[in-house]
C-alpha atoms as a PDB file:
ATOM      1  CA  MET A   1     115.440  88.437 119.682  1.00  0.00           C
ATOM      2  CA  ASN A   2     119.030  87.165 119.172  1.00  0.00           C
ATOM      3  CA  PRO A   3     120.008  83.011 120.401  1.00  0.00           C
ATOM      4  CA  VAL A   4     122.517  84.281 122.449  1.00  0.00           C
ATOM      5  CA  GLU A   5     120.834  86.960 124.462  1.00  0.00           C
ATOM      6  CA  ASN A   6     117.903  84.203 124.646  1.00  0.00           C
ATOM      7  CA  VAL A   7     120.513  81.318 126.564  1.00  0.00           C
ATOM      8  CA  ALA A   8     122.097  84.426 128.609  1.00  0.00           C
ATOM      9  CA  ALA A   9     118.323  84.803 129.487  1.00  0.00           C
ATOM     10  CA  ARG A  10     117.429  81.221 131.067  1.00  0.00           C
ATOM     11  CA  PRO A  11     117.767  80.253 134.963  1.00  0.00           C
ATOM     12  CA  ILE A  12     120.780  78.094 135.441  1.00  0.00           C
ATOM     13  CA  ARG A  13     120.686  74.097 135.532  1.00  0.00           C
ATOM     14  CA  PRO A  14     122.098  72.204 138.306  1.00  0.00           C
ATOM     15  CA  TYR A  15     124.955  69.820 136.979  1.00  0.00           C
ATOM     16  CA  GLY A  16     122.441  66.604 137.432  1.00  0.00           C
ATOM     17  CA  SER A  17     119.259  64.843 138.656  1.00  0.00           C
ATOM     18  CA  TRP A  18     118.220  64.692 142.258  1.00  0.00           C
ATOM     19  CA  ALA A  19     119.005  60.575 141.050  1.00  0.00           C
ATOM     20  CA  ALA A  20     123.265  61.556 140.127  1.00  0.00           C
ATOM     21  CA  ARG A  21     123.421  62.846 143.881  1.00  0.00           C
ATOM     22  CA  THR A  22     121.273  60.465 145.513  1.00  0.00           C
ATOM     23  CA  GLY A  23     123.584  57.958 143.963  1.00  0.00           C
ATOM     24  CA  LEU A  24     126.938  59.197 144.848  1.00  0.00           C
ATOM     25  CA  THR A  25     125.458  59.639 148.557  1.00  0.00           C
ATOM     26  CA  LEU A  26     125.091  56.056 148.286  1.00  0.00           C
ATOM     27  CA  LEU A  27     127.757  55.141 146.873  1.00  0.00           C
ATOM     28  CA  PRO A  28     129.888  55.106 149.765  1.00  0.00           C
ATOM     29  CA  PHE A  29     127.250  53.289 151.731  1.00  0.00           C
ATOM     30  CA  ALA A  30     126.642  50.415 149.410  1.00  0.00           C
ATOM     31  CA  THR A  31     130.860  49.688 149.154  1.00  0.00           C
ATOM     32  CA  LEU A  32     131.352  50.167 152.833  1.00  0.00           C
ATOM     33  CA  GLY A  33     133.929  53.113 152.648  1.00  0.00           C
ATOM     34  CA  LEU A  34     135.657  51.222 149.730  1.00  0.00           C
ATOM     35  CA  LEU A  35     135.106  53.809 147.005  1.00  0.00           C
ATOM     36  CA  CYS A  36     134.052  56.469 149.715  1.00  0.00           C
ATOM     37  CA  PRO A  37     136.884  59.618 147.540  1.00  0.00           C
ATOM     38  CA  VAL A  38     134.624  58.322 144.345  1.00  0.00           C
ATOM     39  CA  PRO A  39     132.228  61.019 144.939  1.00  0.00           C
ATOM     40  CA  SER A  40     134.748  63.906 146.029  1.00  0.00           C
ATOM     41  CA  LEU A  41     136.684  62.748 142.952  1.00  0.00           C
ATOM     42  CA  VAL A  42     133.822  63.237 140.479  1.00  0.00           C
ATOM     43  CA  ILE A  43     132.230  66.922 142.865  1.00  0.00           C
ATOM     44  CA  ALA A  44     136.221  67.903 141.814  1.00  0.00           C
ATOM     45  CA  LEU A  45     136.442  66.839 138.013  1.00  0.00           C
ATOM     46  CA  ARG A  46     132.991  69.030 137.259  1.00  0.00           C
ATOM     47  CA  ARG A  47     133.480  72.320 139.813  1.00  0.00           C
ATOM     48  CA  HIS A  48     137.081  72.632 139.677  1.00  0.00           C
ATOM     49  CA  ARG A  49     137.573  74.282 143.042  1.00  0.00           C
ATOM     50  CA  GLY A  50     140.407  73.687 145.231  1.00  0.00           C
ATOM     51  CA  ALA A  51     138.248  73.415 148.372  1.00  0.00           C
ATOM     52  CA  ASP A  52     136.623  70.570 146.316  1.00  0.00           C
ATOM     53  CA  TRP A  53     140.330  69.362 145.136  1.00  0.00           C
ATOM     54  CA  ALA A  54     141.327  69.013 148.577  1.00  0.00           C
ATOM     55  CA  ALA A  55     137.677  66.968 149.847  1.00  0.00           C
ATOM     56  CA  PHE A  56     138.977  64.585 147.761  1.00  0.00           C
ATOM     57  CA  ALA A  57     142.912  64.036 149.143  1.00  0.00           C
ATOM     58  CA  VAL A  58     141.183  63.881 152.526  1.00  0.00           C
ATOM     59  CA  PHE A  59     139.093  61.483 151.383  1.00  0.00           C
ATOM     60  CA  SER A  60     142.051  59.396 149.577  1.00  0.00           C
ATOM     61  CA  ALA A  61     144.096  59.471 152.554  1.00  0.00           C
ATOM     62  CA  VAL A  62     140.863  58.459 154.840  1.00  0.00           C
ATOM     63  CA  TRP A  63     141.010  55.337 152.378  1.00  0.00           C
ATOM     64  CA  VAL A  64     144.378  54.729 152.357  1.00  0.00           C
ATOM     65  CA  SER A  65     144.585  54.434 156.170  1.00  0.00           C
ATOM     66  CA  TRP A  66     141.355  52.876 156.404  1.00  0.00           C
ATOM     67  CA  VAL A  67     142.988  50.139 153.941  1.00  0.00           C
ATOM     68  CA  LEU A  68     146.325  50.211 156.032  1.00  0.00           C
ATOM     69  CA  GLN A  69     144.369  49.677 159.064  1.00  0.00           C
ATOM     70  CA  LEU A  70     142.259  46.261 157.781  1.00  0.00           C
ATOM     71  CA  ALA A  71     145.666  44.768 156.273  1.00  0.00           C
ATOM     72  CA  THR A  72     147.283  45.111 159.768  1.00  0.00           C
ATOM     73  CA  THR A  73     144.968  44.867 161.875  1.00  0.00           C
ATOM     74  CA  PRO A  74     144.185  41.366 163.431  1.00  0.00           C
ATOM     75  CA  ASP A  75     140.371  39.594 163.126  1.00  0.00           C
ATOM     76  CA  THR A  76     140.132  39.722 167.172  1.00  0.00           C
ATOM     77  CA  THR A  77     140.678  42.913 168.037  1.00  0.00           C
ATOM     78  CA  HIS A  78     139.814  45.248 170.705  1.00  0.00           C
ATOM     79  CA  GLY A  79     140.780  48.921 172.318  1.00  0.00           C
ATOM     80  CA  MET A  80     141.985  51.386 170.450  1.00  0.00           C
ATOM     81  CA  LYS A  81     142.854  48.955 167.309  1.00  0.00           C
ATOM     82  CA  PHE A  82     138.901  48.727 168.063  1.00  0.00           C
ATOM     83  CA  ALA A  83     137.801  51.864 167.636  1.00  0.00           C
ATOM     84  CA  ALA A  84     141.103  53.573 164.977  1.00  0.00           C
ATOM     85  CA  ASP A  85     138.585  51.078 162.839  1.00  0.00           C
ATOM     86  CA  VAL A  86     135.730  52.479 163.731  1.00  0.00           C
ATOM     87  CA  LEU A  87     136.696  56.045 163.104  1.00  0.00           C
ATOM     88  CA  LEU A  88     137.927  55.342 160.078  1.00  0.00           C
ATOM     89  CA  LEU A  89     134.787  53.426 158.927  1.00  0.00           C
ATOM     90  CA  GLY A  90     132.588  55.827 159.641  1.00  0.00           C
ATOM     91  CA  LEU A  91     134.264  58.476 158.319  1.00  0.00           C
ATOM     92  CA  SER A  92     134.844  56.431 155.348  1.00  0.00           C
ATOM     93  CA  THR A  93     130.880  55.732 154.750  1.00  0.00           C
ATOM     94  CA  ALA A  94     129.051  58.411 156.826  1.00  0.00           C
ATOM     95  CA  GLY A  95     132.015  61.607 156.330  1.00  0.00           C
ATOM     96  CA  ALA A  96     132.108  61.101 152.178  1.00  0.00           C
ATOM     97  CA  ALA A  97     127.812  60.212 151.889  1.00  0.00           C
ATOM     98  CA  VAL A  98     127.172  64.026 153.507  1.00  0.00           C
ATOM     99  CA  HIS A  99     130.509  65.495 151.682  1.00  0.00           C
ATOM    100  CA  ALA A 100     128.661  64.096 148.461  1.00  0.00           C
ATOM    101  CA  TRP A 101     125.134  65.415 149.576  1.00  0.00           C
ATOM    102  CA  LYS A 102     126.150  68.827 150.650  1.00  0.00           C
ATOM    103  CA  ALA A 103     128.509  69.150 148.133  1.00  0.00           C
ATOM    104  CA  TRP A 104     126.567  68.033 144.853  1.00  0.00           C
ATOM    105  CA  PRO A 105     125.938  71.699 143.103  1.00  0.00           C
ATOM    106  CA  THR A 106     122.132  73.052 143.575  1.00  0.00           C
ATOM    107  CA  ALA A 107     120.223  75.352 141.456  1.00  0.00           C
ATOM    108  CA  ARG A 108     120.631  78.035 143.816  1.00  0.00           C
ATOM    109  CA  HIS A 109     124.183  77.490 144.277  1.00  0.00           C
ATOM    110  CA  SER A 110     125.337  77.453 140.805  1.00  0.00           C
ATOM    111  CA  PRO A 111     128.764  78.612 139.161  1.00  0.00           C
ATOM    112  CA  ASN A 112     126.965  81.651 137.928  1.00  0.00           C
ATOM    113  CA  GLU A 113     125.788  82.823 140.808  1.00  0.00           C
ATOM    114  CA  ASN A 114     124.999  86.840 141.838  1.00  0.00           C
ATOM    115  CA  GLY A 115     125.419  87.740 138.136  1.00  0.00           C
ATOM    116  CA  LYS A 116     129.241  86.095 137.933  1.00  0.00           C
ATOM    117  CA  SER A 117     129.647  84.786 134.363  1.00  0.00           C
ATOM    118  CA  ALA A 118     131.869  81.691 133.620  1.00  0.00           C
END
């Protein structure tokens, strides 16, 4: 059997293991949202899709908004400013974590799915 045919007949593997997926998911929680764009950047660099780059841009904008909000908000805040802080913190942690968990490629969502060649 030709080695090239043997490689083509192998099942497609995911880009990484469950440990990489879990690590990228936990990163926003471990840093309290300060590194929320990193999982999206890693996914965008691996898959080279426009939607992944758009997700990276969104989480980068959330991060910039969160840092600016922190810099301009006094220590004792309430009302709408507090609600904005909570919203940005939630988006930068939980939003980035959910995106990292859902968007990380798995074996059944591989790039060569449905017979398309890479």
